[in-house]
Amino acid sequence: MHRALRHRTPNRPAPAVVPQPRTRPVRSLIDAEAIAVLHRAARVLHGDLAELTDRLLAVVQDQEPAYRAAVVADPVGIWQEIHRSLRHSVSSLLDPRGSRDAARRCSWKIGATRAEQGVPLDALLHAFRLGGSLVWQRLVEETSRTAPEDVRLLVHVASDIWNFVDEHCTLVADAYRQVERQLAWQRENRVRVLAAALLDGTSRIADLPETAQALDLPEHGRYAVLAVGGGTGQRTAGPVPGVRVHWHQGAEVDYGIALVGDADLPAVPAGGGLRIGVSGTVSGLAAVGDARAQADLALGLCPPEGGAVRLAEHLPAALVVSRPDLGTALAEQVLGALSGLDPADREVLLDTLAAWLACDGSAQRAGERLYCHRNTVLNRLRRFEQLTGRSLQRPSDVVEVSLALTVRRVLPH
């Protein structure tokens, strides 16, 4: 080891190594001869590009199955594309600096075009490498035909040729992936637009087949909509067993379009404080907008702490939520006479009334729920009747009282 390194202080950092500018290597005489041989053969290839194109097209069709359909669909277009690519490639052998940019643009365009057409990237790269192999093979063939003793010189330029092929394979792949990302974004955005129109009820009839295909849902299936809000984290309602659901993310509420088939929608799990409103069942994608409105109503009935509410099981409350102005007017009409009571006294009467209704009019069971005697329940009910002028023996009055209590429970007051 060098003495300076042996005696260097261990804690002192090693001196920085300053990179030296690269010097361009001077071509040796044998390199110059190799380039001359390459140019002589390349000029022959450039003069017979049509034959070279035919050969490569046949090779690609034979060895790359993914290209066969493309050739069948557009034989002239594929031939012209291969011809342009070979022309730029051979021109780059003759004039690397002057032809470089045009060759790169050509390869980039091919990568972008094939991505738009859905040709697999692996197939595209294979076709490019087949082209590189064919050009190398023809260079060797032409040199062997005219000057067999010079074939050995081509070895000195082989790395340049294959570096060119690798560079353009990278260009093709970059272009392909960029367009692929753009197309994926466009597809996702289109799906989002179609789903939003479906949920808003603004889809055109003519768009329904495209919507069904984009969402992978049948146009004439049976559907329910789930409206999901709240929660402590991301609004994810979790999978619904045996049901295909397309989720659409909104600013405050996420919506799931559920294909329910012939059966009713099974229980929907609601964890993490999620509030989930479940619509009734509708027929066809065209009616999903109606189901979304039902799901929003059901969501409005969910308790603040979370849970799932099916609209079909809470129709009276849904009526109240759908017309809060009328609900508030009804509550004021039925319960307004209690406003003069002490708040605690008023709450006792209303809680007793709600318990009695929940127990199907049984004072005994209502008393057990409220931890009081049945006679206490009956006394409170009689007092309610006296204050409001309503009779709990009259069915129409009971309906109005029940709706008024629902207003009190589901609407802010």
Protein backbone atom coordinates (compact mmCIF):
# COMPACT_ATOMS: atom_id res chain seq x y z
CA MET A 1 0.00 0.00 0.00
CA HIS A 2 1.17 3.52 -0.75
CA ARG A 3 2.99 5.15 2.20
CA ALA A 4 0.65 8.19 2.20
CA LEU A 5 -2.29 5.89 2.66
CA ARG A 6 -0.59 3.82 5.36
CA HIS A 7 0.13 6.84 7.54
CA ARG A 8 -3.10 8.79 6.92
CA THR A 9 -4.92 9.78 10.15
CA PRO A 10 -7.84 7.34 10.54
CA ASN A 11 -10.43 10.02 11.34
CA ARG A 12 -9.46 12.34 8.48
CA PRO A 13 -11.72 11.91 5.43
CA ALA A 14 -10.14 10.63 2.28
CA PRO A 15 -9.47 13.34 -0.30
CA ALA A 16 -12.27 13.72 -2.82
CA VAL A 17 -11.65 12.09 -6.16
CA VAL A 18 -12.24 14.67 -8.86
CA PRO A 19 -13.51 12.98 -12.00
CA GLN A 20 -11.38 13.74 -14.99
CA PRO A 21 -13.04 14.76 -18.24
CA ARG A 22 -13.37 11.90 -20.67
CA THR A 23 -11.19 12.07 -23.70
CA ARG A 24 -12.63 10.78 -26.92
CA PRO A 25 -10.65 7.73 -27.97
CA VAL A 26 -8.88 8.04 -31.26
CA ARG A 27 -10.09 5.47 -33.75
CA SER A 28 -7.37 3.06 -34.65
CA LEU A 29 -6.64 2.16 -38.22
CA ILE A 30 -8.50 -1.13 -37.85
CA ASP A 31 -11.57 0.75 -36.55
CA ALA A 32 -11.50 3.01 -39.58
CA GLU A 33 -11.30 -0.02 -41.85
CA ALA A 34 -14.24 -1.61 -40.00
CA ILE A 35 -16.33 1.54 -40.46
CA ALA A 36 -15.52 1.58 -44.15
CA VAL A 37 -16.67 -2.03 -44.46
CA LEU A 38 -19.83 -1.23 -42.50
CA HIS A 39 -20.64 1.77 -44.70
CA ARG A 40 -20.08 -0.20 -47.90
CA ALA A 41 -22.54 -2.89 -46.83
CA ALA A 42 -25.01 -0.41 -45.33
CA ARG A 43 -25.21 1.52 -48.63
CA VAL A 44 -26.27 -1.68 -50.36
CA LEU A 45 -28.97 -2.30 -47.73
CA HIS A 46 -30.14 1.30 -48.05
CA GLY A 47 -30.53 0.85 -51.77
CA ASP A 48 -32.67 -2.28 -51.34
CA LEU A 49 -34.88 -1.35 -48.37
CA ALA A 50 -38.00 -2.80 -49.99
CA GLU A 51 -36.50 -6.30 -50.08
CA LEU A 52 -35.22 -5.89 -46.52
CA THR A 53 -38.69 -4.78 -45.41
CA ASP A 54 -40.32 -7.82 -47.03
CA ARG A 55 -37.90 -10.13 -45.26
CA LEU A 56 -38.44 -8.54 -41.85
CA LEU A 57 -42.23 -8.53 -42.27
CA ALA A 58 -42.12 -12.27 -43.04
CA VAL A 59 -39.87 -12.94 -40.03
CA VAL A 60 -42.07 -10.93 -37.68
CA GLN A 61 -45.21 -12.71 -38.88
CA ASP A 62 -43.54 -16.06 -38.42
CA GLN A 63 -41.91 -15.50 -35.04
CA GLU A 64 -44.19 -13.02 -33.27
CA PRO A 65 -47.83 -14.24 -33.10
CA ALA A 66 -49.09 -10.99 -31.59
CA TYR A 67 -48.16 -9.13 -34.78
CA ARG A 68 -50.05 -11.46 -37.11
CA ALA A 69 -53.43 -9.91 -36.36
CA ALA A 70 -51.99 -6.42 -36.82
CA VAL A 71 -50.54 -7.40 -40.20
CA VAL A 72 -53.85 -8.92 -41.30
CA ALA A 73 -55.75 -5.82 -40.18
CA ASP A 74 -53.39 -3.30 -41.82
CA PRO A 75 -50.79 -4.97 -44.07
CA VAL A 76 -49.89 -1.76 -45.92
CA GLY A 77 -49.57 0.28 -42.74
CA ILE A 78 -47.35 -2.30 -41.04
CA TRP A 79 -45.14 -2.62 -44.14
CA GLN A 80 -44.70 1.15 -44.31
CA GLU A 81 -43.92 1.35 -40.59
CA ILE A 82 -41.24 -1.35 -40.88
CA HIS A 83 -39.85 0.33 -44.00
CA ARG A 84 -39.52 3.70 -42.20
CA SER A 85 -37.91 2.10 -39.18
CA LEU A 86 -35.36 0.22 -41.33
CA ARG A 87 -34.63 3.33 -43.38
CA HIS A 88 -33.82 5.33 -40.25
CA SER A 89 -31.82 2.47 -38.76
CA VAL A 90 -29.66 1.94 -41.86
CA SER A 91 -29.26 5.71 -42.29
CA SER A 92 -27.96 5.85 -38.74
CA LEU A 93 -25.21 3.37 -39.69
CA LEU A 94 -24.12 5.71 -42.47
CA ASP A 95 -24.57 9.03 -40.65
CA PRO A 96 -25.10 8.48 -36.91
CA ARG A 97 -25.07 12.16 -35.97
CA GLY A 98 -27.27 13.43 -38.80
CA SER A 99 -29.85 10.64 -38.57
CA ARG A 100 -30.05 10.18 -34.79
CA ASP A 101 -32.96 12.52 -33.99
CA ALA A 102 -35.14 11.34 -36.87
CA ALA A 103 -34.51 7.70 -35.95
CA ARG A 104 -35.44 8.36 -32.32
CA ARG A 105 -38.66 10.13 -33.33
CA CYS A 106 -39.58 7.22 -35.56
CA SER A 107 -39.07 4.65 -32.80
CA TRP A 108 -40.97 6.77 -30.27
CA LYS A 109 -43.93 7.08 -32.65
CA ILE A 110 -43.99 3.32 -33.21
CA GLY A 111 -44.04 2.67 -29.47
CA ALA A 112 -46.88 5.16 -28.95
CA THR A 113 -48.92 3.84 -31.87
CA ARG A 114 -48.62 0.20 -30.83
CA ALA A 115 -49.65 1.11 -27.26
CA GLU A 116 -52.80 2.76 -28.63
CA GLN A 117 -53.53 -0.36 -30.67
CA GLY A 118 -53.01 -2.69 -27.72
CA VAL A 119 -50.08 -4.68 -29.17
CA PRO A 120 -48.25 -6.24 -26.19
CA LEU A 121 -45.01 -4.48 -25.30
CA ASP A 122 -43.08 -7.75 -25.24
CA ALA A 123 -44.18 -8.45 -28.80
CA LEU A 124 -43.16 -4.97 -29.91
CA LEU A 125 -39.68 -5.26 -28.36
CA HIS A 126 -39.27 -8.72 -29.88
CA ALA A 127 -40.09 -7.29 -33.31
CA PHE A 128 -37.47 -4.55 -32.84
CA ARG A 129 -34.82 -7.08 -31.87
CA LEU A 130 -35.75 -9.22 -34.85
CA GLY A 131 -35.16 -6.15 -36.99
CA GLY A 132 -31.75 -5.60 -35.41
CA SER A 133 -30.83 -9.24 -36.00
CA LEU A 134 -31.92 -9.08 -39.63
CA VAL A 135 -29.92 -5.90 -40.32
CA TRP A 136 -26.82 -7.46 -38.77
CA GLN A 137 -27.37 -10.67 -40.75
CA ARG A 138 -27.72 -8.73 -44.04
CA LEU A 139 -24.58 -6.72 -43.30
CA VAL A 140 -22.65 -9.95 -42.81
CA GLU A 141 -24.21 -11.51 -45.92
CA GLU A 142 -23.38 -8.54 -48.12
CA THR A 143 -19.81 -8.32 -46.85
CA SER A 144 -19.34 -12.07 -47.33
CA ARG A 145 -20.60 -11.75 -50.90
CA THR A 146 -18.39 -8.85 -51.95
CA ALA A 147 -15.32 -9.13 -49.68
CA PRO A 148 -15.29 -12.27 -47.52
CA GLU A 149 -11.95 -11.32 -46.02
CA ASP A 150 -13.53 -8.19 -44.48
CA VAL A 151 -16.22 -10.02 -42.49
CA ARG A 152 -13.86 -10.20 -39.51
CA LEU A 153 -13.74 -6.39 -39.41
CA LEU A 154 -17.49 -6.16 -38.70
CA VAL A 155 -16.81 -7.55 -35.22
CA HIS A 156 -15.34 -4.16 -34.31
CA VAL A 157 -18.63 -2.37 -34.98
CA ALA A 158 -21.00 -5.05 -33.66
CA SER A 159 -21.27 -3.41 -30.23
CA ASP A 160 -22.25 -0.09 -31.83
CA ILE A 161 -25.05 -1.77 -33.78
CA TRP A 162 -26.44 -3.60 -30.76
CA ASN A 163 -26.13 -0.51 -28.58
CA PHE A 164 -28.28 1.25 -31.18
CA VAL A 165 -30.87 -1.57 -30.99
CA ASP A 166 -30.91 -1.41 -27.17
CA GLU A 167 -31.27 2.37 -27.20
CA HIS A 168 -34.27 2.19 -29.50
CA CYS A 169 -35.86 -0.66 -27.56
CA THR A 170 -35.66 1.60 -24.50
CA LEU A 171 -37.22 4.47 -26.49
CA VAL A 172 -40.03 2.23 -27.70
CA ALA A 173 -40.70 0.96 -24.18
CA ASP A 174 -40.72 4.48 -22.71
CA ALA A 175 -43.15 5.73 -25.36
CA TYR A 176 -45.35 2.66 -24.94
CA ARG A 177 -45.56 3.02 -21.15
CA GLN A 178 -46.23 6.75 -21.32
CA VAL A 179 -49.14 6.27 -23.72
CA GLU A 180 -50.31 3.26 -21.70
CA ARG A 181 -50.49 5.45 -18.58
CA GLN A 182 -52.37 8.13 -20.49
CA LEU A 183 -54.84 5.59 -21.85
CA ALA A 184 -55.34 4.08 -18.39
CA TRP A 185 -56.06 7.53 -16.96
CA GLN A 186 -58.49 8.26 -19.79
CA ARG A 187 -60.27 4.94 -19.22
CA GLU A 188 -60.50 5.54 -15.46
CA ASN A 189 -61.75 9.07 -16.01
CA ARG A 190 -64.32 7.85 -18.55
CA VAL A 191 -65.53 5.19 -16.11
CA ARG A 192 -65.83 7.84 -13.42
CA VAL A 193 -67.79 10.18 -15.70
CA LEU A 194 -70.15 7.40 -16.79
CA ALA A 195 -70.72 6.21 -13.20
CA ALA A 196 -71.34 9.77 -12.01
CA ALA A 197 -73.93 10.33 -14.74
CA LEU A 198 -75.58 7.05 -13.83
CA LEU A 199 -75.83 7.99 -10.15
CA ASP A 200 -77.00 11.52 -10.95
CA GLY A 201 -79.72 10.16 -13.21
CA THR A 202 -78.38 12.11 -16.19
CA SER A 203 -77.17 9.18 -18.32
CA ARG A 204 -78.44 9.16 -21.87
CA ILE A 205 -80.14 6.00 -23.04
CA ALA A 206 -77.61 5.83 -25.88
CA ASP A 207 -74.75 5.76 -23.33
CA LEU A 208 -76.07 2.82 -21.30
CA PRO A 209 -74.39 0.05 -23.38
CA GLU A 210 -71.02 1.81 -23.05
CA THR A 211 -71.64 2.37 -19.35
CA ALA A 212 -72.49 -1.30 -18.82
CA GLN A 213 -69.29 -2.35 -20.58
CA ALA A 214 -67.10 0.19 -18.75
CA LEU A 215 -68.48 -0.77 -15.32
CA ASP A 216 -68.61 -4.48 -16.18
CA LEU A 217 -72.28 -4.60 -15.17
CA PRO A 218 -75.30 -5.84 -17.17
CA GLU A 219 -77.54 -3.11 -18.56
CA HIS A 220 -80.74 -4.86 -17.50
CA GLY A 221 -79.74 -6.29 -14.10
CA ARG A 222 -81.32 -5.62 -10.71
CA TYR A 223 -79.47 -3.02 -8.65
CA ALA A 224 -79.29 -1.38 -5.26
CA VAL A 225 -77.15 1.63 -4.35
CA LEU A 226 -75.15 2.02 -1.15
CA ALA A 227 -74.32 5.51 0.13
CA VAL A 228 -71.36 5.48 2.53
CA GLY A 229 -70.35 8.39 4.73
CA GLY A 230 -68.67 9.11 8.05
CA GLY A 231 -66.08 6.74 9.45
CA THR A 232 -62.75 7.41 11.10
CA GLY A 233 -60.65 6.74 8.01
CA GLN A 234 -61.18 5.90 4.37
CA ARG A 235 -64.83 5.32 3.44
CA THR A 236 -64.71 1.65 2.57
CA ALA A 237 -67.78 -0.43 3.28
CA GLY A 238 -65.97 -3.71 2.75
CA PRO A 239 -67.02 -6.47 0.37
CA VAL A 240 -70.66 -7.52 0.27
CA PRO A 241 -70.74 -11.34 0.17
CA GLY A 242 -71.79 -12.70 -3.21
CA VAL A 243 -72.47 -9.28 -4.71
CA ARG A 244 -70.55 -7.38 -7.38
CA VAL A 245 -70.22 -3.71 -6.42
CA HIS A 246 -68.80 -0.86 -8.45
CA TRP A 247 -67.59 1.90 -6.10
CA HIS A 248 -67.67 5.57 -7.04
CA GLN A 249 -65.78 7.97 -4.80
CA GLY A 250 -67.39 11.30 -4.00
CA ALA A 251 -66.30 14.37 -2.06
CA GLU A 252 -68.29 13.54 1.07
CA VAL A 253 -70.15 10.33 0.22
CA ASP A 254 -69.02 7.24 -1.68
CA TYR A 255 -71.53 5.24 -3.68
CA GLY A 256 -71.63 1.54 -4.46
CA ILE A 257 -73.69 0.28 -7.41
CA ALA A 258 -74.52 -3.27 -6.31
CA LEU A 259 -75.70 -5.96 -8.73
CA VAL A 260 -78.13 -7.88 -6.51
CA GLY A 261 -79.45 -10.44 -8.99
CA ASP A 262 -82.62 -12.29 -8.05
CA ALA A 263 -82.02 -12.18 -4.29
CA ASP A 264 -82.16 -9.23 -1.91
CA LEU A 265 -78.96 -7.48 -0.97
CA PRO A 266 -77.38 -9.31 1.99
CA ALA A 267 -76.31 -7.61 5.18
CA VAL A 268 -73.80 -4.81 4.58
CA PRO A 269 -70.92 -4.63 7.10
CA ALA A 270 -70.44 -1.17 8.61
CA GLY A 271 -67.40 -0.84 10.83
CA GLY A 272 -65.20 2.01 11.96
CA GLY A 273 -68.10 4.40 12.49
CA LEU A 274 -69.26 4.19 8.88
CA ARG A 275 -72.81 5.25 8.08
CA ILE A 276 -74.34 3.27 5.20
CA GLY A 277 -77.66 3.96 3.52
CA VAL A 278 -79.06 1.15 1.37
CA SER A 279 -81.65 1.81 -1.32
CA GLY A 280 -84.43 -0.42 -2.46
CA THR A 281 -83.99 -2.59 -5.55
CA VAL A 282 -84.43 -1.13 -9.04
CA SER A 283 -84.44 -2.72 -12.49
CA GLY A 284 -81.77 -1.74 -15.00
CA LEU A 285 -78.89 0.73 -15.01
CA ALA A 286 -81.27 3.45 -16.20
CA ALA A 287 -82.93 3.43 -12.75
CA VAL A 288 -79.71 3.66 -10.72
CA GLY A 289 -80.24 7.42 -10.29
CA ASP A 290 -83.52 6.72 -8.47
CA ALA A 291 -81.75 4.17 -6.26
CA ARG A 292 -79.04 6.71 -5.45
CA ALA A 293 -81.70 9.17 -4.22
CA GLN A 294 -83.13 6.42 -2.00
CA ALA A 295 -79.67 5.58 -0.66
CA ASP A 296 -79.13 9.25 0.25
CA LEU A 297 -82.43 9.22 2.17
CA ALA A 298 -81.38 6.07 4.01
CA LEU A 299 -77.99 7.61 4.79
CA GLY A 300 -79.76 10.56 6.37
CA LEU A 301 -81.48 8.13 8.75
CA CYS A 302 -78.26 6.52 9.97
CA PRO A 303 -77.36 7.22 13.60
CA PRO A 304 -74.34 9.50 14.12
CA GLU A 305 -72.31 6.69 15.70
CA GLY A 306 -72.56 4.62 12.52
CA GLY A 307 -74.48 1.65 11.17
CA ALA A 308 -76.39 0.51 8.09
CA VAL A 309 -79.98 1.51 7.34
CA ARG A 310 -82.13 -0.06 4.64
CA LEU A 311 -84.66 2.39 3.27
CA ALA A 312 -87.33 -0.31 2.89
CA GLU A 313 -87.30 -0.83 6.66
CA HIS A 314 -87.67 2.89 7.50
CA LEU A 315 -90.18 4.26 5.01
CA PRO A 316 -92.07 6.54 7.44
CA ALA A 317 -88.79 8.13 8.49
CA ALA A 318 -87.80 8.40 4.85
CA LEU A 319 -90.99 10.34 4.14
CA VAL A 320 -90.04 12.75 6.89
CA VAL A 321 -86.47 13.21 5.65
CA SER A 322 -87.58 13.65 2.04
CA ARG A 323 -89.83 16.59 3.04
CA PRO A 324 -88.35 18.04 6.22
CA ASP A 325 -90.47 21.18 5.92
CA LEU A 326 -93.68 19.16 6.09
CA GLY A 327 -92.25 16.94 8.82
CA THR A 328 -91.36 19.93 10.94
CA ALA A 329 -94.83 21.41 10.44
CA LEU A 330 -96.45 18.11 11.49
CA ALA A 331 -94.28 17.85 14.63
CA GLU A 332 -95.15 21.40 15.61
CA GLN A 333 -98.83 20.72 15.08
CA VAL A 334 -98.83 17.51 17.14
CA LEU A 335 -96.26 18.26 19.83
CA GLY A 336 -96.32 22.04 19.97
CA ALA A 337 -98.56 22.01 23.06
CA LEU A 338 -95.68 20.47 25.05
CA SER A 339 -93.33 23.38 24.39
CA GLY A 340 -94.45 25.17 27.53
CA LEU A 341 -93.37 22.31 29.80
CA ASP A 342 -90.10 22.13 31.65
CA PRO A 343 -87.60 20.47 29.21
CA ALA A 344 -86.97 17.53 31.57
CA ASP A 345 -90.70 16.99 32.04
CA ARG A 346 -91.28 17.19 28.28
CA GLU A 347 -88.54 14.63 27.60
CA VAL A 348 -90.07 12.19 30.08
CA LEU A 349 -93.44 12.35 28.35
CA LEU A 350 -91.97 11.94 24.88
CA ASP A 351 -89.64 9.09 25.89
CA THR A 352 -92.57 7.29 27.52
CA LEU A 353 -94.67 7.74 24.40
CA ALA A 354 -91.85 6.43 22.18
CA ALA A 355 -91.32 3.39 24.42
CA TRP A 356 -95.06 2.63 24.42
CA LEU A 357 -95.18 2.75 20.59
CA ALA A 358 -92.03 0.60 20.34
CA CYS A 359 -93.69 -1.97 22.61
CA ASP A 360 -96.78 -2.18 20.40
CA GLY A 361 -98.94 -0.28 22.88
CA SER A 362 -98.09 -2.45 25.90
CA ALA A 363 -97.83 -0.35 29.06
CA GLN A 364 -96.41 -3.33 30.92
CA ARG A 365 -93.47 -3.80 28.57
CA ALA A 366 -92.94 -0.07 28.22
CA GLY A 367 -92.72 0.16 32.00
CA GLU A 368 -90.12 -2.61 32.08
CA ARG A 369 -88.09 -0.79 29.45
CA LEU A 370 -88.34 2.49 31.36
CA TYR A 371 -87.85 0.88 34.80
CA CYS A 372 -91.21 2.16 36.12
CA HIS A 373 -94.67 0.76 36.94
CA ARG A 374 -97.18 0.27 34.13
CA ASN A 375 -99.57 2.65 35.91
CA THR A 376 -96.89 5.34 35.70
CA VAL A 377 -96.75 4.76 31.95
CA LEU A 378 -100.53 5.02 31.67
CA ASN A 379 -100.62 8.21 33.73
CA ARG A 380 -98.01 9.83 31.49
CA LEU A 381 -99.90 8.80 28.35
CA ARG A 382 -103.16 10.29 29.71
CA ARG A 383 -101.33 13.51 30.48
CA PHE A 384 -99.97 13.61 26.94
CA GLU A 385 -103.50 13.19 25.56
CA GLN A 386 -104.81 15.98 27.78
CA LEU A 387 -102.05 18.41 26.76
CA THR A 388 -102.15 17.71 23.02
CA GLY A 389 -105.79 16.87 22.48
CA ARG A 390 -104.76 13.67 20.70
CA SER A 391 -106.28 10.28 21.50
CA LEU A 392 -103.99 7.26 21.52
CA GLN A 393 -107.06 5.13 20.93
CA ARG A 394 -107.70 6.79 17.57
CA PRO A 395 -105.56 5.17 14.79
CA SER A 396 -105.21 8.39 12.76
CA ASP A 397 -103.92 10.25 15.82
CA VAL A 398 -101.46 7.44 16.58
CA VAL A 399 -100.09 7.69 13.01
CA GLU A 400 -99.57 11.44 13.36
CA VAL A 401 -97.98 11.07 16.80
CA SER A 402 -95.65 8.36 15.52
CA LEU A 403 -94.55 10.51 12.58
CA ALA A 404 -94.07 13.51 14.86
CA LEU A 405 -91.79 11.47 17.10
CA THR A 406 -89.88 10.32 14.01
CA VAL A 407 -89.38 13.97 13.03
CA ARG A 408 -88.03 14.64 16.51
CA ARG A 409 -85.63 11.72 16.18
CA VAL A 410 -84.27 12.18 12.65
CA LEU A 411 -84.38 15.92 12.02
CA PRO A 412 -82.20 18.47 13.82
CA HIS A 413 -84.06 20.55 16.37
